[in-house]
Full PDB file with SEQRES, HELIX, SHEET, SSBOND, CRYST1, ORIGX, SCALE, CONECT and MASTER records, all heavy atoms in Angstrom:
SEQRES   1 A   38  GLU GLU ILE GLN GLU VAL LYS ASN GLU GLY ASN LEU ASP          
SEQRES   2 A   38  GLY LEU PHE SER SER LEU ASP LYS ILE VAL GLU GLU ALA          
SEQRES   3 A   38  LYS ASP ARG GLU GLU PRO ALA TRP ARG PRO SER GLY              
HELIX    1 AA1 GLU A    2  GLU A    9  1                                   8    
HELIX    2 AA2 LEU A   12  LYS A   27  1                                  16    
CRYST1    1.000    1.000    1.000  90.00  90.00  90.00 P 1           1          
ORIGX1      1.000000  0.000000  0.000000        0.00000                         
ORIGX2      0.000000  1.000000  0.000000        0.00000                         
ORIGX3      0.000000  0.000000  1.000000        0.00000                         
SCALE1      1.000000  0.000000  0.000000        0.00000                         
SCALE2      0.000000  1.000000  0.000000        0.00000                         
SCALE3      0.000000  0.000000  1.000000        0.00000                         
ATOM      1  N   GLU A   1     -14.409  15.946   8.573  1.00  0.00           N  
ATOM      2  CA  GLU A   1     -14.336  16.560   7.295  1.00  0.00           C  
ATOM      3  C   GLU A   1     -12.850  16.793   6.950  1.00  0.00           C  
ATOM      4  O   GLU A   1     -12.434  16.554   5.743  1.00  0.00           O  
ATOM      5  CB  GLU A   1     -14.927  17.962   7.379  1.00  0.00           C  
ATOM      6  CG  GLU A   1     -14.967  18.777   6.106  1.00  0.00           C  
ATOM      7  CD  GLU A   1     -15.671  20.133   6.317  1.00  0.00           C  
ATOM      8  OE1 GLU A   1     -16.763  20.163   6.975  1.00  0.00           O  
ATOM      9  OE2 GLU A   1     -15.139  21.149   5.860  1.00  0.00           O  
ATOM     10  N   GLU A   2     -12.027  17.175   7.767  1.00  0.00           N  
ATOM     11  CA  GLU A   2     -10.525  17.315   7.589  1.00  0.00           C  
ATOM     12  C   GLU A   2      -9.940  15.868   7.170  1.00  0.00           C  
ATOM     13  O   GLU A   2      -9.154  15.894   6.300  1.00  0.00           O  
ATOM     14  CB  GLU A   2      -9.746  17.791   8.753  1.00  0.00           C  
ATOM     15  CG  GLU A   2      -9.994  19.351   9.001  1.00  0.00           C  
ATOM     16  CD  GLU A   2      -9.410  20.108   7.905  1.00  0.00           C  
ATOM     17  OE1 GLU A   2      -8.259  19.979   7.533  1.00  0.00           O  
ATOM     18  OE2 GLU A   2      -9.939  21.195   7.502  1.00  0.00           O  
ATOM     19  N   ILE A   3     -10.335  14.964   7.834  1.00  0.00           N  
ATOM     20  CA  ILE A   3      -9.653  13.586   7.579  1.00  0.00           C  
ATOM     21  C   ILE A   3     -10.184  13.123   6.171  1.00  0.00           C  
ATOM     22  O   ILE A   3      -9.330  12.620   5.383  1.00  0.00           O  
ATOM     23  CB  ILE A   3     -10.172  12.609   8.642  1.00  0.00           C  
ATOM     24  CG1 ILE A   3      -9.569  12.903   9.999  1.00  0.00           C  
ATOM     25  CG2 ILE A   3      -9.752  11.132   8.258  1.00  0.00           C  
ATOM     26  CD1 ILE A   3      -8.119  12.812  10.169  1.00  0.00           C  
ATOM     27  N   GLN A   4     -11.364  13.361   5.815  1.00  0.00           N  
ATOM     28  CA  GLN A   4     -11.894  13.086   4.511  1.00  0.00           C  
ATOM     29  C   GLN A   4     -11.274  13.935   3.454  1.00  0.00           C  
ATOM     30  O   GLN A   4     -10.963  13.255   2.293  1.00  0.00           O  
ATOM     31  CB  GLN A   4     -13.412  13.347   4.493  1.00  0.00           C  
ATOM     32  CG  GLN A   4     -14.095  12.700   3.169  1.00  0.00           C  
ATOM     33  CD  GLN A   4     -14.001  11.243   2.982  1.00  0.00           C  
ATOM     34  OE1 GLN A   4     -14.026  10.520   4.027  1.00  0.00           O  
ATOM     35  NE2 GLN A   4     -13.471  10.898   1.834  1.00  0.00           N  
ATOM     36  N   GLU A   5     -10.888  15.086   3.722  1.00  0.00           N  
ATOM     37  CA  GLU A   5     -10.241  15.949   2.755  1.00  0.00           C  
ATOM     38  C   GLU A   5      -8.800  15.420   2.578  1.00  0.00           C  
ATOM     39  O   GLU A   5      -8.375  15.320   1.396  1.00  0.00           O  
ATOM     40  CB  GLU A   5     -10.095  17.398   3.290  1.00  0.00           C  
ATOM     41  CG  GLU A   5     -10.211  18.447   2.232  1.00  0.00           C  
ATOM     42  CD  GLU A   5     -10.254  19.887   2.808  1.00  0.00           C  
ATOM     43  OE1 GLU A   5     -11.425  20.181   3.302  1.00  0.00           O  
ATOM     44  OE2 GLU A   5      -9.300  20.554   2.698  1.00  0.00           O  
ATOM     45  N   VAL A   6      -8.061  14.978   3.616  1.00  0.00           N  
ATOM     46  CA  VAL A   6      -6.798  14.366   3.556  1.00  0.00           C  
ATOM     47  C   VAL A   6      -6.906  13.159   2.727  1.00  0.00           C  
ATOM     48  O   VAL A   6      -5.998  12.861   1.957  1.00  0.00           O  
ATOM     49  CB  VAL A   6      -6.139  14.193   4.965  1.00  0.00           C  
ATOM     50  CG1 VAL A   6      -4.969  13.344   4.882  1.00  0.00           C  
ATOM     51  CG2 VAL A   6      -5.913  15.520   5.534  1.00  0.00           C  
ATOM     52  N   LYS A   7      -7.879  12.317   2.914  1.00  0.00           N  
ATOM     53  CA  LYS A   7      -7.960  10.975   2.269  1.00  0.00           C  
ATOM     54  C   LYS A   7      -8.268  11.206   0.769  1.00  0.00           C  
ATOM     55  O   LYS A   7      -7.741  10.619  -0.080  1.00  0.00           O  
ATOM     56  CB  LYS A   7      -9.249  10.238   2.836  1.00  0.00           C  
ATOM     57  CG  LYS A   7      -8.863   9.531   4.055  1.00  0.00           C  
ATOM     58  CD  LYS A   7     -10.132   8.850   4.705  1.00  0.00           C  
ATOM     59  CE  LYS A   7     -10.618   7.710   3.902  1.00  0.00           C  
ATOM     60  NZ  LYS A   7     -11.850   7.080   4.598  1.00  0.00           N  
ATOM     61  N   ASN A   8      -9.056  12.375   0.387  1.00  0.00           N  
ATOM     62  CA  ASN A   8      -9.300  12.591  -0.929  1.00  0.00           C  
ATOM     63  C   ASN A   8      -8.151  13.249  -1.659  1.00  0.00           C  
ATOM     64  O   ASN A   8      -7.726  12.828  -2.784  1.00  0.00           O  
ATOM     65  CB  ASN A   8     -10.494  13.571  -1.085  1.00  0.00           C  
ATOM     66  CG  ASN A   8     -11.825  12.990  -0.706  1.00  0.00           C  
ATOM     67  OD1 ASN A   8     -11.979  11.714  -0.580  1.00  0.00           O  
ATOM     68  ND2 ASN A   8     -12.824  13.727  -0.342  1.00  0.00           N  
ATOM     69  N   GLU A   9      -7.448  14.061  -0.999  1.00  0.00           N  
ATOM     70  CA  GLU A   9      -6.331  14.898  -1.645  1.00  0.00           C  
ATOM     71  C   GLU A   9      -5.140  13.734  -1.844  1.00  0.00           C  
ATOM     72  O   GLU A   9      -4.405  13.794  -2.790  1.00  0.00           O  
ATOM     73  CB  GLU A   9      -5.718  15.896  -0.706  1.00  0.00           C  
ATOM     74  CG  GLU A   9      -6.573  17.164  -0.821  1.00  0.00           C  
ATOM     75  CD  GLU A   9      -6.008  18.269   0.123  1.00  0.00           C  
ATOM     76  OE1 GLU A   9      -5.078  18.158   0.677  1.00  0.00           O  
ATOM     77  OE2 GLU A   9      -6.863  19.248   0.217  1.00  0.00           O  
ATOM     78  N   GLY A  10      -4.844  12.922  -0.837  1.00  0.00           N  
ATOM     79  CA  GLY A  10      -3.862  11.869  -0.989  1.00  0.00           C  
ATOM     80  C   GLY A  10      -4.276  10.644  -1.650  1.00  0.00           C  
ATOM     81  O   GLY A  10      -3.459   9.772  -1.753  1.00  0.00           O  
ATOM     82  N   ASN A  11      -5.471  10.550  -2.047  1.00  0.00           N  
ATOM     83  CA  ASN A  11      -5.981   9.371  -2.804  1.00  0.00           C  
ATOM     84  C   ASN A  11      -5.714   8.107  -1.912  1.00  0.00           C  
ATOM     85  O   ASN A  11      -5.281   7.217  -2.385  1.00  0.00           O  
ATOM     86  CB  ASN A  11      -5.425   9.260  -4.177  1.00  0.00           C  
ATOM     87  CG  ASN A  11      -6.048   8.220  -4.893  1.00  0.00           C  
ATOM     88  OD1 ASN A  11      -7.272   7.808  -4.754  1.00  0.00           O  
ATOM     89  ND2 ASN A  11      -5.283   7.601  -5.944  1.00  0.00           N  
ATOM     90  N   LEU A  12      -6.094   8.288  -0.656  1.00  0.00           N  
ATOM     91  CA  LEU A  12      -5.698   7.110   0.275  1.00  0.00           C  
ATOM     92  C   LEU A  12      -6.460   5.852   0.024  1.00  0.00           C  
ATOM     93  O   LEU A  12      -5.940   4.791   0.136  1.00  0.00           O  
ATOM     94  CB  LEU A  12      -5.948   7.588   1.745  1.00  0.00           C  
ATOM     95  CG  LEU A  12      -5.084   8.702   2.221  1.00  0.00           C  
ATOM     96  CD1 LEU A  12      -5.320   8.951   3.761  1.00  0.00           C  
ATOM     97  CD2 LEU A  12      -3.563   8.213   2.124  1.00  0.00           C  
ATOM     98  N   ASP A  13      -7.719   6.021  -0.365  1.00  0.00           N  
ATOM     99  CA  ASP A  13      -8.540   4.803  -0.793  1.00  0.00           C  
ATOM    100  C   ASP A  13      -7.900   4.046  -1.996  1.00  0.00           C  
ATOM    101  O   ASP A  13      -7.719   2.742  -1.860  1.00  0.00           O  
ATOM    102  CB  ASP A  13      -9.950   5.147  -1.111  1.00  0.00           C  
ATOM    103  CG  ASP A  13     -10.691   5.609   0.115  1.00  0.00           C  
ATOM    104  OD1 ASP A  13     -10.402   5.132   1.190  1.00  0.00           O  
ATOM    105  OD2 ASP A  13     -11.665   6.429  -0.086  1.00  0.00           O  
ATOM    106  N   GLY A  14      -7.429   4.723  -2.897  1.00  0.00           N  
ATOM    107  CA  GLY A  14      -6.733   4.038  -4.050  1.00  0.00           C  
ATOM    108  C   GLY A  14      -5.391   3.512  -3.671  1.00  0.00           C  
ATOM    109  O   GLY A  14      -4.983   2.413  -4.062  1.00  0.00           O  
ATOM    110  N   LEU A  15      -4.645   4.183  -2.731  1.00  0.00           N  
ATOM    111  CA  LEU A  15      -3.335   3.819  -2.271  1.00  0.00           C  
ATOM    112  C   LEU A  15      -3.577   2.493  -1.444  1.00  0.00           C  
ATOM    113  O   LEU A  15      -2.735   1.494  -1.427  1.00  0.00           O  
ATOM    114  CB  LEU A  15      -2.672   4.830  -1.519  1.00  0.00           C  
ATOM    115  CG  LEU A  15      -2.130   5.995  -2.315  1.00  0.00           C  
ATOM    116  CD1 LEU A  15      -1.629   7.073  -1.483  1.00  0.00           C  
ATOM    117  CD2 LEU A  15      -1.157   5.461  -3.360  1.00  0.00           C  
ATOM    118  N   PHE A  16      -4.625   2.508  -0.514  1.00  0.00           N  
ATOM    119  CA  PHE A  16      -4.940   1.390   0.310  1.00  0.00           C  
ATOM    120  C   PHE A  16      -5.275   0.116  -0.653  1.00  0.00           C  
ATOM    121  O   PHE A  16      -4.713  -0.992  -0.354  1.00  0.00           O  
ATOM    122  CB  PHE A  16      -5.934   1.598   1.313  1.00  0.00           C  
ATOM    123  CG  PHE A  16      -5.654   2.563   2.457  1.00  0.00           C  
ATOM    124  CD1 PHE A  16      -6.529   3.377   2.948  1.00  0.00           C  
ATOM    125  CD2 PHE A  16      -4.408   2.403   3.068  1.00  0.00           C  
ATOM    126  CE1 PHE A  16      -6.299   4.273   4.002  1.00  0.00           C  
ATOM    127  CE2 PHE A  16      -4.132   3.185   4.088  1.00  0.00           C  
ATOM    128  CZ  PHE A  16      -4.974   4.072   4.636  1.00  0.00           C  
ATOM    129  N   SER A  17      -6.082   0.297  -1.656  1.00  0.00           N  
ATOM    130  CA  SER A  17      -6.400  -0.771  -2.394  1.00  0.00           C  
ATOM    131  C   SER A  17      -5.128  -1.420  -3.207  1.00  0.00           C  
ATOM    132  O   SER A  17      -4.993  -2.531  -3.432  1.00  0.00           O  
ATOM    133  CB  SER A  17      -7.526  -0.413  -3.380  1.00  0.00           C  
ATOM    134  OG  SER A  17      -7.109   0.563  -4.352  1.00  0.00           O  
ATOM    135  N   SER A  18      -4.284  -0.497  -3.706  1.00  0.00           N  
ATOM    136  CA  SER A  18      -3.102  -0.961  -4.360  1.00  0.00           C  
ATOM    137  C   SER A  18      -2.125  -1.609  -3.399  1.00  0.00           C  
ATOM    138  O   SER A  18      -1.525  -2.649  -3.719  1.00  0.00           O  
ATOM    139  CB  SER A  18      -2.398   0.233  -5.040  1.00  0.00           C  
ATOM    140  OG  SER A  18      -1.873   1.123  -4.157  1.00  0.00           O  
ATOM    141  N   LEU A  19      -2.206  -1.161  -2.178  1.00  0.00           N  
ATOM    142  CA  LEU A  19      -1.343  -1.775  -1.115  1.00  0.00           C  
ATOM    143  C   LEU A  19      -1.898  -3.255  -0.806  1.00  0.00           C  
ATOM    144  O   LEU A  19      -1.207  -4.163  -0.745  1.00  0.00           O  
ATOM    145  CB  LEU A  19      -1.289  -1.061   0.147  1.00  0.00           C  
ATOM    146  CG  LEU A  19      -0.385  -1.525   1.310  1.00  0.00           C  
ATOM    147  CD1 LEU A  19       0.959  -1.753   0.850  1.00  0.00           C  
ATOM    148  CD2 LEU A  19      -0.574  -0.655   2.469  1.00  0.00           C  
ATOM    149  N   ASP A  20      -3.264  -3.325  -0.886  1.00  0.00           N  
ATOM    150  CA  ASP A  20      -3.906  -4.779  -0.659  1.00  0.00           C  
ATOM    151  C   ASP A  20      -3.425  -5.520  -1.743  1.00  0.00           C  
ATOM    152  O   ASP A  20      -3.178  -6.812  -1.621  1.00  0.00           O  
ATOM    153  CB  ASP A  20      -5.335  -4.517  -0.598  1.00  0.00           C  
ATOM    154  CG  ASP A  20      -5.789  -3.827   0.756  1.00  0.00           C  
ATOM    155  OD1 ASP A  20      -5.089  -4.015   1.668  1.00  0.00           O  
ATOM    156  OD2 ASP A  20      -6.971  -3.401   0.800  1.00  0.00           O  
ATOM    157  N   LYS A  21      -3.443  -5.096  -3.023  1.00  0.00           N  
ATOM    158  CA  LYS A  21      -2.999  -5.840  -4.104  1.00  0.00           C  
ATOM    159  C   LYS A  21      -1.621  -6.367  -4.072  1.00  0.00           C  
ATOM    160  O   LYS A  21      -1.308  -7.586  -4.380  1.00  0.00           O  
ATOM    161  CB  LYS A  21      -3.239  -5.069  -5.483  1.00  0.00           C  
ATOM    162  CG  LYS A  21      -4.739  -4.936  -5.832  1.00  0.00           C  
ATOM    163  CD  LYS A  21      -4.848  -4.110  -7.158  1.00  0.00           C  
ATOM    164  CE  LYS A  21      -6.287  -3.728  -7.563  1.00  0.00           C  
ATOM    165  NZ  LYS A  21      -6.306  -2.760  -8.602  1.00  0.00           N  
ATOM    166  N   ILE A  22      -0.762  -5.426  -3.612  1.00  0.00           N  
ATOM    167  CA  ILE A  22       0.693  -5.885  -3.570  1.00  0.00           C  
ATOM    168  C   ILE A  22       0.850  -6.827  -2.425  1.00  0.00           C  
ATOM    169  O   ILE A  22       1.641  -7.860  -2.599  1.00  0.00           O  
ATOM    170  CB  ILE A  22       1.520  -4.643  -3.038  1.00  0.00           C  
ATOM    171  CG1 ILE A  22       1.533  -3.653  -4.246  1.00  0.00           C  
ATOM    172  CG2 ILE A  22       2.872  -4.931  -2.711  1.00  0.00           C  
ATOM    173  CD1 ILE A  22       2.171  -2.291  -3.904  1.00  0.00           C  
ATOM    174  N   VAL A  23       0.121  -6.714  -1.346  1.00  0.00           N  
ATOM    175  CA  VAL A  23       0.219  -7.844  -0.205  1.00  0.00           C  
ATOM    176  C   VAL A  23      -0.368  -9.062  -0.751  1.00  0.00           C  
ATOM    177  O   VAL A  23       0.256 -10.162  -0.426  1.00  0.00           O  
ATOM    178  CB  VAL A  23      -0.611  -7.279   0.992  1.00  0.00           C  
ATOM    179  CG1 VAL A  23      -0.839  -8.392   1.956  1.00  0.00           C  
ATOM    180  CG2 VAL A  23       0.093  -6.083   1.661  1.00  0.00           C  
ATOM    181  N   GLU A  24      -1.351  -9.152  -1.491  1.00  0.00           N  
ATOM    182  CA  GLU A  24      -1.885 -10.404  -2.106  1.00  0.00           C  
ATOM    183  C   GLU A  24      -0.915 -10.948  -2.983  1.00  0.00           C  
ATOM    184  O   GLU A  24      -0.770 -12.292  -3.014  1.00  0.00           O  
ATOM    185  CB  GLU A  24      -3.332 -10.138  -2.904  1.00  0.00           C  
ATOM    186  CG  GLU A  24      -4.483  -9.870  -1.941  1.00  0.00           C  
ATOM    187  CD  GLU A  24      -4.649 -11.126  -0.969  1.00  0.00           C  
ATOM    188  OE1 GLU A  24      -4.674 -12.235  -1.512  1.00  0.00           O  
ATOM    189  OE2 GLU A  24      -4.959 -10.882   0.152  1.00  0.00           O  
ATOM    190  N   GLU A  25      -0.298 -10.203  -3.914  1.00  0.00           N  
ATOM    191  CA  GLU A  25       0.662 -10.765  -4.822  1.00  0.00           C  
ATOM    192  C   GLU A  25       1.926 -11.283  -4.032  1.00  0.00           C  
ATOM    193  O   GLU A  25       2.433 -12.268  -4.505  1.00  0.00           O  
ATOM    194  CB  GLU A  25       1.137  -9.606  -5.826  1.00  0.00           C  
ATOM    195  CG  GLU A  25       0.035  -9.273  -6.712  1.00  0.00           C  
ATOM    196  CD  GLU A  25       0.379  -8.044  -7.657  1.00  0.00           C  
ATOM    197  OE1 GLU A  25       1.519  -7.523  -7.461  1.00  0.00           O  
ATOM    198  OE2 GLU A  25      -0.426  -7.698  -8.399  1.00  0.00           O  
ATOM    199  N   ALA A  26       2.301 -10.721  -2.971  1.00  0.00           N  
ATOM    200  CA  ALA A  26       3.393 -11.053  -2.245  1.00  0.00           C  
ATOM    201  C   ALA A  26       3.182 -12.414  -1.488  1.00  0.00           C  
ATOM    202  O   ALA A  26       4.154 -13.073  -1.132  1.00  0.00           O  
ATOM    203  CB  ALA A  26       3.853  -9.954  -1.228  1.00  0.00           C  
ATOM    204  N   LYS A  27       1.945 -12.702  -1.240  1.00  0.00           N  
ATOM    205  CA  LYS A  27       1.681 -13.979  -0.546  1.00  0.00           C  
ATOM    206  C   LYS A  27       2.201 -15.225  -1.332  1.00  0.00           C  
ATOM    207  O   LYS A  27       2.648 -16.161  -0.702  1.00  0.00           O  
ATOM    208  CB  LYS A  27       0.233 -14.120  -0.258  1.00  0.00           C  
ATOM    209  CG  LYS A  27      -0.314 -13.319   0.775  1.00  0.00           C  
ATOM    210  CD  LYS A  27      -1.739 -13.448   1.064  1.00  0.00           C  
ATOM    211  CE  LYS A  27      -2.291 -12.587   2.164  1.00  0.00           C  
ATOM    212  NZ  LYS A  27      -3.702 -12.647   2.384  1.00  0.00           N  
ATOM    213  N   ASP A  28       2.152 -15.114  -2.686  1.00  0.00           N  
ATOM    214  CA  ASP A  28       2.673 -16.217  -3.457  1.00  0.00           C  
ATOM    215  C   ASP A  28       4.067 -16.301  -3.718  1.00  0.00           C  
ATOM    216  O   ASP A  28       4.557 -17.323  -4.214  1.00  0.00           O  
ATOM    217  CB  ASP A  28       1.965 -16.297  -4.823  1.00  0.00           C  
ATOM    218  CG  ASP A  28       0.444 -16.308  -4.697  1.00  0.00           C  
ATOM    219  OD1 ASP A  28      -0.003 -16.927  -3.680  1.00  0.00           O  
ATOM    220  OD2 ASP A  28      -0.230 -15.781  -5.583  1.00  0.00           O  
ATOM    221  N   ARG A  29       4.894 -15.326  -3.291  1.00  0.00           N  
ATOM    222  CA  ARG A  29       6.372 -15.282  -3.512  1.00  0.00           C  
ATOM    223  C   ARG A  29       7.067 -16.174  -2.561  1.00  0.00           C  
ATOM    224  O   ARG A  29       6.586 -16.298  -1.321  1.00  0.00           O  
ATOM    225  CB  ARG A  29       6.803 -13.804  -3.235  1.00  0.00           C  
ATOM    226  CG  ARG A  29       6.809 -13.055  -4.430  1.00  0.00           C  
ATOM    227  CD  ARG A  29       7.782 -11.869  -4.203  1.00  0.00           C  
ATOM    228  NE  ARG A  29       7.774 -11.055  -5.379  1.00  0.00           N  
ATOM    229  CZ  ARG A  29       8.056  -9.800  -5.507  1.00  0.00           C  
ATOM    230  NH1 ARG A  29       8.277  -9.194  -4.337  1.00  0.00           N  
ATOM    231  NH2 ARG A  29       8.109  -9.129  -6.652  1.00  0.00           N  
ATOM    232  N   GLU A  30       8.012 -16.718  -3.082  1.00  0.00           N  
ATOM    233  CA  GLU A  30       8.838 -17.650  -2.207  1.00  0.00           C  
ATOM    234  C   GLU A  30       9.986 -16.982  -1.617  1.00  0.00           C  
ATOM    235  O   GLU A  30      10.325 -17.331  -0.385  1.00  0.00           O  
ATOM    236  CB  GLU A  30       9.322 -18.843  -3.038  1.00  0.00           C  
ATOM    237  CG  GLU A  30       8.169 -19.729  -3.538  1.00  0.00           C  
ATOM    238  CD  GLU A  30       8.630 -20.870  -4.464  1.00  0.00           C  
ATOM    239  OE1 GLU A  30       9.870 -21.076  -4.621  1.00  0.00           O  
ATOM    240  OE2 GLU A  30       7.796 -21.491  -4.982  1.00  0.00           O  
ATOM    241  N   GLU A  31      10.648 -16.113  -2.240  1.00  0.00           N  
ATOM    242  CA  GLU A  31      11.760 -15.388  -1.738  1.00  0.00           C  
ATOM    243  C   GLU A  31      11.281 -14.162  -0.989  1.00  0.00           C  
ATOM    244  O   GLU A  31      10.402 -13.446  -1.418  1.00  0.00           O  
ATOM    245  CB  GLU A  31      12.763 -15.065  -2.844  1.00  0.00           C  
ATOM    246  CG  GLU A  31      12.198 -14.170  -3.948  1.00  0.00           C  
ATOM    247  CD  GLU A  31      13.069 -13.918  -5.083  1.00  0.00           C  
ATOM    248  OE1 GLU A  31      13.653 -14.993  -5.660  1.00  0.00           O  
ATOM    249  OE2 GLU A  31      13.379 -12.839  -5.424  1.00  0.00           O  
ATOM    250  N   PRO A  32      12.116 -13.813   0.078  1.00  0.00           N  
ATOM    251  CA  PRO A  32      11.656 -12.550   0.769  1.00  0.00           C  
ATOM    252  C   PRO A  32      11.835 -11.275   0.085  1.00  0.00           C  
ATOM    253  O   PRO A  32      12.641 -11.198  -0.805  1.00  0.00           O  
ATOM    254  CB  PRO A  32      12.584 -12.657   2.076  1.00  0.00           C  
ATOM    255  CG  PRO A  32      13.764 -13.344   1.603  1.00  0.00           C  
ATOM    256  CD  PRO A  32      13.202 -14.300   0.562  1.00  0.00           C  
ATOM    257  N   ALA A  33      11.120 -10.262   0.407  1.00  0.00           N  
ATOM    258  CA  ALA A  33      11.219  -9.047  -0.237  1.00  0.00           C  
ATOM    259  C   ALA A  33      12.587  -8.285   0.225  1.00  0.00           C  
ATOM    260  O   ALA A  33      13.012  -8.496   1.224  1.00  0.00           O  
ATOM    261  CB  ALA A  33       9.994  -8.060   0.160  1.00  0.00           C  
ATOM    262  N   TRP A  34      13.066  -7.484  -0.713  1.00  0.00           N  
ATOM    263  CA  TRP A  34      14.323  -6.814  -0.455  1.00  0.00           C  
ATOM    264  C   TRP A  34      14.033  -5.627   0.375  1.00  0.00           C  
ATOM    265  O   TRP A  34      13.053  -4.858   0.127  1.00  0.00           O  
ATOM    266  CB  TRP A  34      14.910  -6.443  -1.816  1.00  0.00           C  
ATOM    267  CG  TRP A  34      16.216  -5.659  -1.607  1.00  0.00           C  
ATOM    268  CD1 TRP A  34      17.343  -6.150  -1.243  1.00  0.00           C  
ATOM    269  CD2 TRP A  34      16.400  -4.207  -1.721  1.00  0.00           C  
ATOM    270  NE1 TRP A  34      18.338  -5.239  -1.269  1.00  0.00           N  
ATOM    271  CE2 TRP A  34      17.784  -4.049  -1.469  1.00  0.00           C  
ATOM    272  CE3 TRP A  34      15.615  -3.220  -2.032  1.00  0.00           C  
ATOM    273  CZ2 TRP A  34      18.364  -2.747  -1.545  1.00  0.00           C  
ATOM    274  CZ3 TRP A  34      16.127  -1.918  -2.069  1.00  0.00           C  
ATOM    275  CH2 TRP A  34      17.523  -1.809  -1.798  1.00  0.00           C  
ATOM    276  N   ARG A  35      14.804  -5.450   1.396  1.00  0.00           N  
ATOM    277  CA  ARG A  35      14.655  -4.215   2.279  1.00  0.00           C  
ATOM    278  C   ARG A  35      16.027  -3.502   2.400  1.00  0.00           C  
ATOM    279  O   ARG A  35      17.182  -4.205   2.625  1.00  0.00           O  
ATOM    280  CB  ARG A  35      14.352  -4.742   3.789  1.00  0.00           C  
ATOM    281  CG  ARG A  35      13.055  -5.476   3.801  1.00  0.00           C  
ATOM    282  CD  ARG A  35      11.832  -4.418   3.833  1.00  0.00           C  
ATOM    283  NE  ARG A  35      10.600  -5.183   4.016  1.00  0.00           N  
ATOM    284  CZ  ARG A  35       9.769  -5.485   3.146  1.00  0.00           C  
ATOM    285  NH1 ARG A  35      10.031  -5.470   1.891  1.00  0.00           N  
ATOM    286  NH2 ARG A  35       8.643  -6.170   3.558  1.00  0.00           N  
ATOM    287  N   PRO A  36      16.112  -2.276   2.143  1.00  0.00           N  
ATOM    288  CA  PRO A  36      17.343  -1.521   2.247  1.00  0.00           C  
ATOM    289  C   PRO A  36      17.808  -1.383   3.652  1.00  0.00           C  
ATOM    290  O   PRO A  36      17.037  -1.234   4.432  1.00  0.00           O  
ATOM    291  CB  PRO A  36      17.086  -0.212   1.665  1.00  0.00           C  
ATOM    292  CG  PRO A  36      15.557   0.055   1.826  1.00  0.00           C  
ATOM    293  CD  PRO A  36      14.962  -1.423   1.768  1.00  0.00           C  
ATOM    294  N   SER A  37      19.236  -1.509   3.771  1.00  0.00           N  
ATOM    295  CA  SER A  37      19.764  -1.340   5.075  1.00  0.00           C  
ATOM    296  C   SER A  37      20.090   0.076   5.428  1.00  0.00           C  
ATOM    297  O   SER A  37      20.367   0.415   6.676  1.00  0.00           O  
ATOM    298  CB  SER A  37      21.020  -2.194   5.153  1.00  0.00           C  
ATOM    299  OG  SER A  37      22.030  -1.736   4.362  1.00  0.00           O  
ATOM    300  N   GLY A  38      20.205   0.983   4.450  1.00  0.00           N  
ATOM    301  CA  GLY A  38      20.511   2.355   4.706  1.00  0.00           C  
ATOM    302  C   GLY A  38      22.014   2.550   4.354  1.00  0.00           C  
ATOM    303  O   GLY A  38      22.564   3.707   4.368  1.00  0.00           O  
TER     304      GLY A  38                                                      
MASTER        0    0    0    2    0    0    0    6  303    1    0    3          
END                                                                             
């Protein structure tokens, strides 16, 4: 119940699906993604 509440409050299902979309879009990219060094 607590885990489900955290998933609902954080909209984790929506975030997971948008992350999946980002990963799918990144597969077609030729250049690497930018990563900050700090």
